[in-house]
Amino acid sequence: MKNLFVVALMLAAFSSCKKDQLLVSPKTNLENNLVALKVEKDYLEFRDQKAMDSVVRILLSMTPQKLDEWENGLNGFKSYRTIFKEIQADYNNVNDQQAFTNFSKKYGGLVQITADSSITYKLGTPLSSYFINKDGHVKVGDEFREYTADNKILVYKGDFGNVSSVKTYSFKKDKGNQISVSGPFSTGIVSQALYYNSDNQRRLHVQFWYEQLTPNPPGPERGTGRFYFIVLQELKRTFGGWRANNTNYYQNSINWNWTLVDSPLAPIYEGYVGGSISYPNTTGPIFFGMGDFLGTPSQTSGSASFTTGGVPTTPTFNVY
């Protein structure tokens, strides 16, 4: 049975300092610029790309607690984000080699275990984890999309799983942070850094991501894209692994710029300046979005400052 939900967009009623108070209600009537969303079997089905963009824009502004409330209202859907959180909690109990072996066998298809024994997302991205299921699936309009473990997005036109109808899109960047898009739906890390506390028992992981939301259509029109930061504090435990840690997160400043080369008036220079934001008592990752823009960026640079309760002093995150 299909569970029909209506997601209310309340952007205008809230100031930027109250983004964590945004409400997305599954029980609102069809009025005042609302966005329809279905749960079909165990995956989400958005009405169209515009509906998906509107929902994701709000999700980027929500605290982890609000995200939990939003997802709990979607009966029948369990996001990859929630699954990953549950696996993180299970990983906290891994304290010997046998437990590590059992953990790897049980969750090897869902998470990636890195060389330093931390666990990361295996399907899609931290942002896509909000709306994909355990198989990386989501439907947008008449398209089935599958986020894979090799940084690709498979788009099926027609029957889902029909290999002959699939299109593959991926993300690339060079050493100068030039962004190359080989398809209309691309996402990936532009730059990242690790900052350690003085005791080397806690570290802050900062990632800067790019995601193209819609393709560039023929002619002078341009598709849409988005930049955002993901910040996560990890704590080193007895077995040598790095685990997500509950702490207070702070974003002290963001000053970012990028160039759009596919504009009719190219090049166009755009930027974002963000003030201070805090998320208390949170287990990451925490998102800091910079809004949407028209066009595909060719070059990006800027600086940002992030700290947490466990790593209170960090250098400024820079990309030149």
C-alpha atoms as a PDB file:
ATOM      1  CA  MET A   1       0.000   0.000   0.000  1.00  0.00           C
ATOM      2  CA  LYS A   2       1.222   3.443  -0.844  1.00  0.00           C
ATOM      3  CA  ASN A   3       1.612   5.866   2.017  1.00  0.00           C
ATOM      4  CA  LEU A   4       1.022   9.403   0.754  1.00  0.00           C
ATOM      5  CA  PHE A   5       2.671  12.224   2.651  1.00  0.00           C
ATOM      6  CA  VAL A   6       2.630  15.956   2.163  1.00  0.00           C
ATOM      7  CA  VAL A   7       5.701  17.937   3.085  1.00  0.00           C
ATOM      8  CA  ALA A   8       5.081  21.552   4.053  1.00  0.00           C
ATOM      9  CA  LEU A   9       7.732  24.074   3.093  1.00  0.00           C
ATOM     10  CA  MET A  10       7.898  26.847   5.699  1.00  0.00           C
ATOM     11  CA  LEU A  11      11.002  28.736   4.581  1.00  0.00           C
ATOM     12  CA  ALA A  12       9.565  32.238   4.622  1.00  0.00           C
ATOM     13  CA  ALA A  13       8.355  32.097   8.196  1.00  0.00           C
ATOM     14  CA  PHE A  14      11.726  31.431   9.741  1.00  0.00           C
ATOM     15  CA  SER A  15      14.926  33.437   9.916  1.00  0.00           C
ATOM     16  CA  SER A  16      18.319  31.901   9.182  1.00  0.00           C
ATOM     17  CA  CYS A  17      19.147  31.712  12.888  1.00  0.00           C
ATOM     18  CA  LYS A  18      16.127  29.446  13.436  1.00  0.00           C
ATOM     19  CA  LYS A  19      16.747  26.906  10.692  1.00  0.00           C
ATOM     20  CA  ASP A  20      16.740  24.056  13.173  1.00  0.00           C
ATOM     21  CA  GLN A  21      13.110  24.907  13.951  1.00  0.00           C
ATOM     22  CA  LEU A  22      11.897  24.221  10.393  1.00  0.00           C
ATOM     23  CA  LEU A  23       9.015  21.757  10.372  1.00  0.00           C
ATOM     24  CA  VAL A  24       8.313  19.183   7.676  1.00  0.00           C
ATOM     25  CA  SER A  25       4.929  17.683   8.478  1.00  0.00           C
ATOM     26  CA  PRO A  26       3.506  14.551   6.804  1.00  0.00           C
ATOM     27  CA  LYS A  27      -0.048  15.528   7.860  1.00  0.00           C
ATOM     28  CA  THR A  28      -0.583  18.931   6.266  1.00  0.00           C
ATOM     29  CA  ASN A  29      -3.308  19.664   3.688  1.00  0.00           C
ATOM     30  CA  LEU A  30      -2.578  20.434   0.038  1.00  0.00           C
ATOM     31  CA  GLU A  31      -2.293  24.204   0.334  1.00  0.00           C
ATOM     32  CA  ASN A  32       0.343  26.934   0.537  1.00  0.00           C
ATOM     33  CA  ASN A  33       2.990  25.613  -1.899  1.00  0.00           C
ATOM     34  CA  LEU A  34       3.333  22.072  -0.546  1.00  0.00           C
ATOM     35  CA  VAL A  35       5.453  19.245  -1.940  1.00  0.00           C
ATOM     36  CA  ALA A  36       4.026  15.729  -2.449  1.00  0.00           C
ATOM     37  CA  LEU A  37       6.102  12.713  -1.425  1.00  0.00           C
ATOM     38  CA  LYS A  38       5.252   8.988  -1.411  1.00  0.00           C
ATOM     39  CA  VAL A  39       6.685   5.928   0.249  1.00  0.00           C
ATOM     40  CA  GLU A  40       6.548   3.165  -2.374  1.00  0.00           C
ATOM     41  CA  LYS A  41       7.472  -0.250  -0.953  1.00  0.00           C
ATOM     42  CA  ASP A  42      10.664   0.642   0.987  1.00  0.00           C
ATOM     43  CA  TYR A  43      11.927   3.628  -1.049  1.00  0.00           C
ATOM     44  CA  LEU A  44      10.904   7.272  -1.438  1.00  0.00           C
ATOM     45  CA  GLU A  45       9.183   8.541  -4.566  1.00  0.00           C
ATOM     46  CA  PHE A  46       9.323  12.288  -5.231  1.00  0.00           C
ATOM     47  CA  ARG A  47       6.750  13.851  -7.545  1.00  0.00           C
ATOM     48  CA  ASP A  48       9.467  15.434  -9.691  1.00  0.00           C
ATOM     49  CA  GLN A  49      12.955  16.963  -9.487  1.00  0.00           C
ATOM     50  CA  LYS A  50      11.602  20.283  -8.252  1.00  0.00           C
ATOM     51  CA  ALA A  51       9.825  18.537  -5.375  1.00  0.00           C
ATOM     52  CA  MET A  52      12.976  16.656  -4.457  1.00  0.00           C
ATOM     53  CA  ASP A  53      15.105  19.820  -4.526  1.00  0.00           C
ATOM     54  CA  SER A  54      12.649  21.624  -2.240  1.00  0.00           C
ATOM     55  CA  VAL A  55      12.640  18.830   0.316  1.00  0.00           C
ATOM     56  CA  VAL A  56      16.427  18.370   0.267  1.00  0.00           C
ATOM     57  CA  ARG A  57      16.898  22.122   0.685  1.00  0.00           C
ATOM     58  CA  ILE A  58      14.999  21.954   3.968  1.00  0.00           C
ATOM     59  CA  LEU A  59      16.690  18.742   5.096  1.00  0.00           C
ATOM     60  CA  LEU A  60      20.058  20.475   4.762  1.00  0.00           C
ATOM     61  CA  SER A  61      18.895  23.027   7.342  1.00  0.00           C
ATOM     62  CA  MET A  62      17.586  20.559   9.926  1.00  0.00           C
ATOM     63  CA  THR A  63      19.275  19.287  13.053  1.00  0.00           C
ATOM     64  CA  PRO A  64      19.768  15.522  13.413  1.00  0.00           C
ATOM     65  CA  GLN A  65      16.921  15.462  15.941  1.00  0.00           C
ATOM     66  CA  LYS A  66      14.532  17.139  13.479  1.00  0.00           C
ATOM     67  CA  LEU A  67      15.654  14.749  10.748  1.00  0.00           C
ATOM     68  CA  ASP A  68      14.735  11.811  12.969  1.00  0.00           C
ATOM     69  CA  GLU A  69      11.283  13.294  13.531  1.00  0.00           C
ATOM     70  CA  TRP A  70      10.809  13.831   9.789  1.00  0.00           C
ATOM     71  CA  GLU A  71      11.775  10.278   8.913  1.00  0.00           C
ATOM     72  CA  ASN A  72       9.670   8.762  11.698  1.00  0.00           C
ATOM     73  CA  GLY A  73       6.622  10.214   9.933  1.00  0.00           C
ATOM     74  CA  LEU A  74       7.382   8.273   6.737  1.00  0.00           C
ATOM     75  CA  ASN A  75       5.909   4.868   7.544  1.00  0.00           C
ATOM     76  CA  GLY A  76       7.618   2.056   5.667  1.00  0.00           C
ATOM     77  CA  PHE A  77      10.793   3.991   4.852  1.00  0.00           C
ATOM     78  CA  LYS A  78      14.131   3.559   6.581  1.00  0.00           C
ATOM     79  CA  SER A  79      16.897   5.769   5.235  1.00  0.00           C
ATOM     80  CA  TYR A  80      20.495   4.777   4.696  1.00  0.00           C
ATOM     81  CA  ARG A  81      21.330   7.554   7.166  1.00  0.00           C
ATOM     82  CA  THR A  82      19.382   5.792   9.930  1.00  0.00           C
ATOM     83  CA  ILE A  83      20.879   2.431   9.007  1.00  0.00           C
ATOM     84  CA  PHE A  84      24.367   3.949   9.136  1.00  0.00           C
ATOM     85  CA  LYS A  85      23.666   5.422  12.592  1.00  0.00           C
ATOM     86  CA  GLU A  86      22.586   2.001  13.852  1.00  0.00           C
ATOM     87  CA  ILE A  87      25.752   0.435  12.433  1.00  0.00           C
ATOM     88  CA  GLN A  88      27.827   3.156  14.128  1.00  0.00           C
ATOM     89  CA  ALA A  89      26.216   2.293  17.460  1.00  0.00           C
ATOM     90  CA  ASP A  90      26.970  -1.405  16.912  1.00  0.00           C
ATOM     91  CA  TYR A  91      30.566  -0.544  16.040  1.00  0.00           C
ATOM     92  CA  ASN A  92      31.019   0.950  19.501  1.00  0.00           C
ATOM     93  CA  ASN A  93      30.851  -2.613  20.867  1.00  0.00           C
ATOM     94  CA  VAL A  94      33.728  -3.857  18.688  1.00  0.00           C
ATOM     95  CA  ASN A  95      36.707  -4.251  21.019  1.00  0.00           C
ATOM     96  CA  ASP A  96      38.582  -7.385  19.852  1.00  0.00           C
ATOM     97  CA  GLN A  97      39.595  -9.093  16.627  1.00  0.00           C
ATOM     98  CA  GLN A  98      36.743 -11.611  16.607  1.00  0.00           C
ATOM     99  CA  ALA A  99      34.151  -8.892  17.111  1.00  0.00           C
ATOM    100  CA  PHE A 100      35.765  -6.873  14.303  1.00  0.00           C
ATOM    101  CA  THR A 101      35.633  -9.899  11.969  1.00  0.00           C
ATOM    102  CA  ASN A 102      31.970 -10.505  12.773  1.00  0.00           C
ATOM    103  CA  PHE A 103      31.168  -6.809  12.269  1.00  0.00           C
ATOM    104  CA  SER A 104      32.911  -6.777   8.872  1.00  0.00           C
ATOM    105  CA  LYS A 105      30.988  -9.836   7.668  1.00  0.00           C
ATOM    106  CA  LYS A 106      27.658  -8.458   8.848  1.00  0.00           C
ATOM    107  CA  TYR A 107      27.945  -4.907   7.513  1.00  0.00           C
ATOM    108  CA  GLY A 108      30.563  -5.108   4.761  1.00  0.00           C
ATOM    109  CA  GLY A 109      27.936  -4.550   2.088  1.00  0.00           C
ATOM    110  CA  LEU A 110      26.552  -1.425   3.740  1.00  0.00           C
ATOM    111  CA  VAL A 111      29.555   0.505   5.102  1.00  0.00           C
ATOM    112  CA  GLN A 112      33.202   0.932   4.196  1.00  0.00           C
ATOM    113  CA  ILE A 113      35.876   0.264   6.813  1.00  0.00           C
ATOM    114  CA  THR A 114      38.904   2.476   6.170  1.00  0.00           C
ATOM    115  CA  ALA A 115      42.579   1.716   6.781  1.00  0.00           C
ATOM    116  CA  ASP A 116      42.484   3.528  10.154  1.00  0.00           C
ATOM    117  CA  SER A 117      39.463   1.476  11.301  1.00  0.00           C
ATOM    118  CA  SER A 118      36.873   4.231  10.943  1.00  0.00           C
ATOM    119  CA  ILE A 119      33.659   3.524   9.054  1.00  0.00           C
ATOM    120  CA  THR A 120      32.288   5.656   6.215  1.00  0.00           C
ATOM    121  CA  TYR A 121      29.363   5.663   3.803  1.00  0.00           C
ATOM    122  CA  LYS A 122      29.509   2.993   1.114  1.00  0.00           C
ATOM    123  CA  LEU A 123      26.415   3.932  -0.897  1.00  0.00           C
ATOM    124  CA  GLY A 124      26.016   7.427  -2.283  1.00  0.00           C
ATOM    125  CA  THR A 125      26.892  10.418  -0.132  1.00  0.00           C
ATOM    126  CA  PRO A 126      26.061  11.675   3.380  1.00  0.00           C
ATOM    127  CA  LEU A 127      23.404  13.911   1.795  1.00  0.00           C
ATOM    128  CA  SER A 128      21.819  11.214  -0.375  1.00  0.00           C
ATOM    129  CA  SER A 129      21.659   9.025   2.744  1.00  0.00           C
ATOM    130  CA  TYR A 130      18.708  11.187   3.849  1.00  0.00           C
ATOM    131  CA  PHE A 131      16.501   9.957   0.993  1.00  0.00           C
ATOM    132  CA  ILE A 132      17.897   6.619  -0.286  1.00  0.00           C
ATOM    133  CA  ASN A 133      17.183   3.234   1.279  1.00  0.00           C
ATOM    134  CA  LYS A 134      19.645   0.454   2.154  1.00  0.00           C
ATOM    135  CA  ASP A 135      19.988  -0.409  -1.542  1.00  0.00           C
ATOM    136  CA  GLY A 136      20.692   3.185  -2.619  1.00  0.00           C
ATOM    137  CA  HIS A 137      17.299   3.532  -4.328  1.00  0.00           C
ATOM    138  CA  VAL A 138      15.037   6.547  -4.818  1.00  0.00           C
ATOM    139  CA  LYS A 139      12.485   7.477  -7.493  1.00  0.00           C
ATOM    140  CA  VAL A 140      12.147  10.991  -8.939  1.00  0.00           C
ATOM    141  CA  GLY A 141       9.241  11.456 -11.338  1.00  0.00           C
ATOM    142  CA  ASP A 142       9.454   8.531 -13.748  1.00  0.00           C
ATOM    143  CA  GLU A 143      13.158   7.897 -13.088  1.00  0.00           C
ATOM    144  CA  PHE A 144      14.579   5.271 -10.747  1.00  0.00           C
ATOM    145  CA  ARG A 145      17.980   6.295  -9.373  1.00  0.00           C
ATOM    146  CA  GLU A 146      20.495   4.032  -7.708  1.00  0.00           C
ATOM    147  CA  TYR A 147      23.452   5.458  -5.762  1.00  0.00           C
ATOM    148  CA  THR A 148      26.312   2.954  -5.942  1.00  0.00           C
ATOM    149  CA  ALA A 149      29.435   2.109  -3.958  1.00  0.00           C
ATOM    150  CA  ASP A 150      31.755   3.399  -6.725  1.00  0.00           C
ATOM    151  CA  ASN A 151      30.590   7.053  -6.670  1.00  0.00           C
ATOM    152  CA  LYS A 152      28.134   6.636  -9.535  1.00  0.00           C
ATOM    153  CA  ILE A 153      24.445   7.283  -9.962  1.00  0.00           C
ATOM    154  CA  LEU A 154      22.539   4.892 -12.206  1.00  0.00           C
ATOM    155  CA  VAL A 155      19.418   6.393 -13.784  1.00  0.00           C
ATOM    156  CA  TYR A 156      16.841   3.947 -15.141  1.00  0.00           C
ATOM    157  CA  LYS A 157      14.329   5.061 -17.762  1.00  0.00           C
ATOM    158  CA  GLY A 158      11.554   2.491 -17.822  1.00  0.00           C
ATOM    159  CA  ASP A 159      11.670  -0.671 -15.770  1.00  0.00           C
ATOM    160  CA  PHE A 160      13.816  -0.398 -12.654  1.00  0.00           C
ATOM    161  CA  GLY A 161      16.811  -2.751 -12.822  1.00  0.00           C
ATOM    162  CA  ASN A 162      16.695  -3.022 -16.608  1.00  0.00           C
ATOM    163  CA  VAL A 163      20.386  -2.718 -17.461  1.00  0.00           C
ATOM    164  CA  SER A 164      19.692  -1.857 -21.108  1.00  0.00           C
ATOM    165  CA  SER A 165      17.898   1.337 -20.050  1.00  0.00           C
ATOM    166  CA  VAL A 166      20.470   2.633 -17.595  1.00  0.00           C
ATOM    167  CA  LYS A 167      22.550   5.818 -17.789  1.00  0.00           C
ATOM    168  CA  THR A 168      25.620   6.240 -15.573  1.00  0.00           C
ATOM    169  CA  TYR A 169      26.797   9.551 -14.120  1.00  0.00           C
ATOM    170  CA  SER A 170      29.876  10.263 -12.018  1.00  0.00           C
ATOM    171  CA  PHE A 171      31.915  13.078 -10.477  1.00  0.00           C
ATOM    172  CA  LYS A 172      35.529  14.058 -11.141  1.00  0.00           C
ATOM    173  CA  LYS A 173      37.898  16.822 -10.032  1.00  0.00           C
ATOM    174  CA  ASP A 174      41.529  17.627 -10.757  1.00  0.00           C
ATOM    175  CA  LYS A 175      44.269  18.823  -8.401  1.00  0.00           C
ATOM    176  CA  GLY A 176      43.269  22.448  -8.917  1.00  0.00           C
ATOM    177  CA  ASN A 177      39.703  21.803  -7.747  1.00  0.00           C
ATOM    178  CA  GLN A 178      38.402  22.053 -11.291  1.00  0.00           C
ATOM    179  CA  ILE A 179      35.060  20.240 -11.310  1.00  0.00           C
ATOM    180  CA  SER A 180      34.287  17.943 -14.244  1.00  0.00           C
ATOM    181  CA  VAL A 181      30.745  16.638 -14.609  1.00  0.00           C
ATOM    182  CA  SER A 182      30.189  13.567 -16.804  1.00  0.00           C
ATOM    183  CA  GLY A 183      26.419  13.582 -16.515  1.00  0.00           C
ATOM    184  CA  PRO A 184      23.518  15.632 -15.124  1.00  0.00           C
ATOM    185  CA  PHE A 185      23.469  14.158 -11.611  1.00  0.00           C
ATOM    186  CA  SER A 186      26.968  14.244 -10.178  1.00  0.00           C
ATOM    187  CA  THR A 187      28.269  14.502  -6.644  1.00  0.00           C
ATOM    188  CA  GLY A 188      31.572  14.160  -4.832  1.00  0.00           C
ATOM    189  CA  ILE A 189      34.172  15.550  -2.439  1.00  0.00           C
ATOM    190  CA  VAL A 190      36.054  18.608  -3.690  1.00  0.00           C
ATOM    191  CA  SER A 191      38.389  18.851  -0.682  1.00  0.00           C
ATOM    192  CA  GLN A 192      38.748  17.486   2.868  1.00  0.00           C
ATOM    193  CA  ALA A 193      40.940  17.743   5.966  1.00  0.00           C
ATOM    194  CA  LEU A 194      41.478  16.101   9.364  1.00  0.00           C
ATOM    195  CA  TYR A 195      42.198  18.081  12.551  1.00  0.00           C
ATOM    196  CA  TYR A 196      43.407  16.313  15.723  1.00  0.00           C
ATOM    197  CA  ASN A 197      43.064  17.438  19.318  1.00  0.00           C
ATOM    198  CA  SER A 198      46.241  17.702  21.417  1.00  0.00           C
ATOM    199  CA  ASP A 199      45.688  14.254  22.959  1.00  0.00           C
ATOM    200  CA  ASN A 200      45.261  12.634  19.496  1.00  0.00           C
ATOM    201  CA  GLN A 201      42.210  10.815  20.848  1.00  0.00           C
ATOM    202  CA  ARG A 202      39.679  13.035  19.082  1.00  0.00           C
ATOM    203  CA  ARG A 203      39.656  14.419  15.577  1.00  0.00           C
ATOM    204  CA  LEU A 204      37.471  16.625  13.407  1.00  0.00           C
ATOM    205  CA  HIS A 205      36.796  15.487   9.833  1.00  0.00           C
ATOM    206  CA  VAL A 206      35.783  18.288   7.426  1.00  0.00           C
ATOM    207  CA  GLN A 207      34.619  17.574   3.864  1.00  0.00           C
ATOM    208  CA  PHE A 208      33.626  20.065   1.155  1.00  0.00           C
ATOM    209  CA  TRP A 209      31.150  18.606  -1.375  1.00  0.00           C
ATOM    210  CA  TYR A 210      29.660  19.569  -4.732  1.00  0.00           C
ATOM    211  CA  GLU A 211      26.397  18.204  -6.102  1.00  0.00           C
ATOM    212  CA  GLN A 212      24.752  18.956  -9.429  1.00  0.00           C
ATOM    213  CA  LEU A 213      20.999  18.826  -8.926  1.00  0.00           C
ATOM    214  CA  THR A 214      19.615  19.208 -12.444  1.00  0.00           C
ATOM    215  CA  PRO A 215      21.270  18.979 -15.895  1.00  0.00           C
ATOM    216  CA  ASN A 216      22.064  21.897 -18.139  1.00  0.00           C
ATOM    217  CA  PRO A 217      19.299  21.888 -20.791  1.00  0.00           C
ATOM    218  CA  PRO A 218      19.993  22.810 -24.432  1.00  0.00           C
ATOM    219  CA  GLY A 219      20.191  26.520 -25.132  1.00  0.00           C
ATOM    220  CA  PRO A 220      20.976  29.394 -22.746  1.00  0.00           C
ATOM    221  CA  GLU A 221      19.274  27.898 -19.696  1.00  0.00           C
ATOM    222  CA  ARG A 222      21.391  26.412 -16.913  1.00  0.00           C
ATOM    223  CA  GLY A 223      20.948  23.567 -14.478  1.00  0.00           C
ATOM    224  CA  THR A 224      21.295  23.914 -10.715  1.00  0.00           C
ATOM    225  CA  GLY A 225      24.106  22.927  -8.355  1.00  0.00           C
ATOM    226  CA  ARG A 226      24.969  23.087  -4.671  1.00  0.00           C
ATOM    227  CA  PHE A 227      28.027  23.278  -2.392  1.00  0.00           C
ATOM    228  CA  TYR A 228      27.973  22.119   1.233  1.00  0.00           C
ATOM    229  CA  PHE A 229      30.243  21.121   4.117  1.00  0.00           C
ATOM    230  CA  ILE A 230      30.025  17.943   6.175  1.00  0.00           C
ATOM    231  CA  VAL A 231      31.673  18.026   9.611  1.00  0.00           C
ATOM    232  CA  LEU A 232      32.134  15.007  11.886  1.00  0.00           C
ATOM    233  CA  GLN A 233      33.994  14.563  15.162  1.00  0.00           C
ATOM    234  CA  GLU A 234      35.377  11.075  15.760  1.00  0.00           C
ATOM    235  CA  LEU A 235      36.643   9.496  18.966  1.00  0.00           C
ATOM    236  CA  LYS A 236      39.375   6.853  19.142  1.00  0.00           C
ATOM    237  CA  ARG A 237      38.348   3.787  21.161  1.00  0.00           C
ATOM    238  CA  THR A 238      40.262   0.886  22.730  1.00  0.00           C
ATOM    239  CA  PHE A 239      40.389  -1.349  19.647  1.00  0.00           C
ATOM    240  CA  GLY A 240      42.044   1.371  17.576  1.00  0.00           C
ATOM    241  CA  GLY A 241      38.978   2.455  15.639  1.00  0.00           C
ATOM    242  CA  TRP A 242      37.590   5.953  15.101  1.00  0.00           C
ATOM    243  CA  ARG A 243      33.899   6.238  15.984  1.00  0.00           C
ATOM    244  CA  ALA A 244      31.413   9.092  15.667  1.00  0.00           C
ATOM    245  CA  ASN A 245      31.234  11.030  18.944  1.00  0.00           C
ATOM    246  CA  ASN A 246      28.463  13.031  20.582  1.00  0.00           C
ATOM    247  CA  THR A 247      29.629  16.629  21.004  1.00  0.00           C
ATOM    248  CA  ASN A 248      28.846  20.314  20.387  1.00  0.00           C
ATOM    249  CA  TYR A 249      29.489  21.518  16.826  1.00  0.00           C
ATOM    250  CA  TYR A 250      30.308  25.105  15.832  1.00  0.00           C
ATOM    251  CA  GLN A 251      30.594  26.802  12.458  1.00  0.00           C
ATOM    252  CA  ASN A 252      32.316  30.147  13.044  1.00  0.00           C
ATOM    253  CA  SER A 253      32.509  31.510   9.506  1.00  0.00           C
ATOM    254  CA  ILE A 254      32.309  30.526   5.835  1.00  0.00           C
ATOM    255  CA  ASN A 255      33.588  32.730   3.026  1.00  0.00           C
ATOM    256  CA  TRP A 256      33.447  30.931  -0.323  1.00  0.00           C
ATOM    257  CA  ASN A 257      33.636  31.838  -4.021  1.00  0.00           C
ATOM    258  CA  TRP A 258      33.227  29.975  -7.298  1.00  0.00           C
ATOM    259  CA  THR A 259      33.188  30.646 -11.048  1.00  0.00           C
ATOM    260  CA  LEU A 260      30.384  29.588 -13.396  1.00  0.00           C
ATOM    261  CA  VAL A 261      31.618  29.023 -16.940  1.00  0.00           C
ATOM    262  CA  ASP A 262      28.427  27.883 -18.686  1.00  0.00           C
ATOM    263  CA  SER A 263      26.503  31.105 -18.151  1.00  0.00           C
ATOM    264  CA  PRO A 264      25.341  33.106 -21.191  1.00  0.00           C
ATOM    265  CA  LEU A 265      27.382  35.948 -19.680  1.00  0.00           C
ATOM    266  CA  ALA A 266      30.312  33.702 -18.660  1.00  0.00           C
ATOM    267  CA  PRO A 267      32.256  33.832 -16.556  1.00  0.00           C
ATOM    268  CA  ILE A 268      30.036  34.716 -13.599  1.00  0.00           C
ATOM    269  CA  TYR A 269      31.457  34.845 -10.078  1.00  0.00           C
ATOM    270  CA  GLU A 270      29.300  33.823  -7.145  1.00  0.00           C
ATOM    271  CA  GLY A 271      29.933  33.432  -3.440  1.00  0.00           C
ATOM    272  CA  TYR A 272      28.588  32.711   0.008  1.00  0.00           C
ATOM    273  CA  VAL A 273      29.263  34.280   3.412  1.00  0.00           C
ATOM    274  CA  GLY A 274      27.957  32.488   6.493  1.00  0.00           C
ATOM    275  CA  GLY A 275      27.841  33.563  10.130  1.00  0.00           C
ATOM    276  CA  SER A 276      28.060  31.517  13.329  1.00  0.00           C
ATOM    277  CA  ILE A 277      25.913  28.408  13.862  1.00  0.00           C
ATOM    278  CA  SER A 278      26.021  25.863  16.690  1.00  0.00           C
ATOM    279  CA  TYR A 279      24.556  22.363  17.067  1.00  0.00           C
ATOM    280  CA  PRO A 280      24.693  21.179  20.712  1.00  0.00           C
ATOM    281  CA  ASN A 281      24.826  17.554  21.873  1.00  0.00           C
ATOM    282  CA  THR A 282      24.932  15.996  18.434  1.00  0.00           C
ATOM    283  CA  THR A 283      26.384  12.903  16.819  1.00  0.00           C
ATOM    284  CA  GLY A 284      27.393  13.930  13.291  1.00  0.00           C
ATOM    285  CA  PRO A 285      27.808  14.327  10.474  1.00  0.00           C
ATOM    286  CA  ILE A 286      26.587  17.931  10.514  1.00  0.00           C
ATOM    287  CA  PHE A 287      25.727  19.721   7.250  1.00  0.00           C
ATOM    288  CA  PHE A 288      26.414  23.380   6.455  1.00  0.00           C
ATOM    289  CA  GLY A 289      24.767  24.247   3.137  1.00  0.00           C
ATOM    290  CA  MET A 290      25.455  27.249   0.934  1.00  0.00           C
ATOM    291  CA  GLY A 291      22.243  27.298  -1.070  1.00  0.00           C
ATOM    292  CA  ASP A 292      21.626  26.474  -4.733  1.00  0.00           C
ATOM    293  CA  PHE A 293      22.986  28.198  -7.825  1.00  0.00           C
ATOM    294  CA  LEU A 294      22.470  28.099 -11.589  1.00  0.00           C
ATOM    295  CA  GLY A 295      25.265  26.660 -13.715  1.00  0.00           C
ATOM    296  CA  THR A 296      28.271  24.373 -13.385  1.00  0.00           C
ATOM    297  CA  PRO A 297      31.290  25.651 -11.403  1.00  0.00           C
ATOM    298  CA  SER A 298      34.767  25.324 -12.899  1.00  0.00           C
ATOM    299  CA  GLN A 299      36.797  26.623  -9.964  1.00  0.00           C
ATOM    300  CA  THR A 300      36.105  27.138  -6.275  1.00  0.00           C
ATOM    301  CA  SER A 301      38.064  28.658  -3.406  1.00  0.00           C
ATOM    302  CA  GLY A 302      37.496  30.006   0.063  1.00  0.00           C
ATOM    303  CA  SER A 303      37.889  29.552   3.807  1.00  0.00           C
ATOM    304  CA  ALA A 304      35.759  28.162   6.623  1.00  0.00           C
ATOM    305  CA  SER A 305      36.168  27.651  10.370  1.00  0.00           C
ATOM    306  CA  PHE A 306      34.722  24.652  12.248  1.00  0.00           C
ATOM    307  CA  THR A 307      35.282  23.514  15.840  1.00  0.00           C
ATOM    308  CA  THR A 308      33.694  21.087  18.285  1.00  0.00           C
ATOM    309  CA  GLY A 309      33.626  20.486  22.024  1.00  0.00           C
ATOM    310  CA  GLY A 310      36.278  17.791  21.689  1.00  0.00           C
ATOM    311  CA  VAL A 311      38.457  19.633  19.139  1.00  0.00           C
ATOM    312  CA  PRO A 312      38.056  23.266  20.230  1.00  0.00           C
ATOM    313  CA  THR A 313      40.892  24.779  18.183  1.00  0.00           C
ATOM    314  CA  THR A 314      41.434  24.009  14.506  1.00  0.00           C
ATOM    315  CA  PRO A 315      43.175  25.791  11.632  1.00  0.00           C
ATOM    316  CA  THR A 316      40.989  27.485   9.044  1.00  0.00           C
ATOM    317  CA  PHE A 317      39.836  25.148   6.293  1.00  0.00           C
ATOM    318  CA  ASN A 318      41.105  26.619   2.994  1.00  0.00           C
ATOM    319  CA  VAL A 319      40.863  25.763  -0.684  1.00  0.00           C
ATOM    320  CA  TYR A 320      42.767  27.884  -3.199  1.00  0.00           C
END
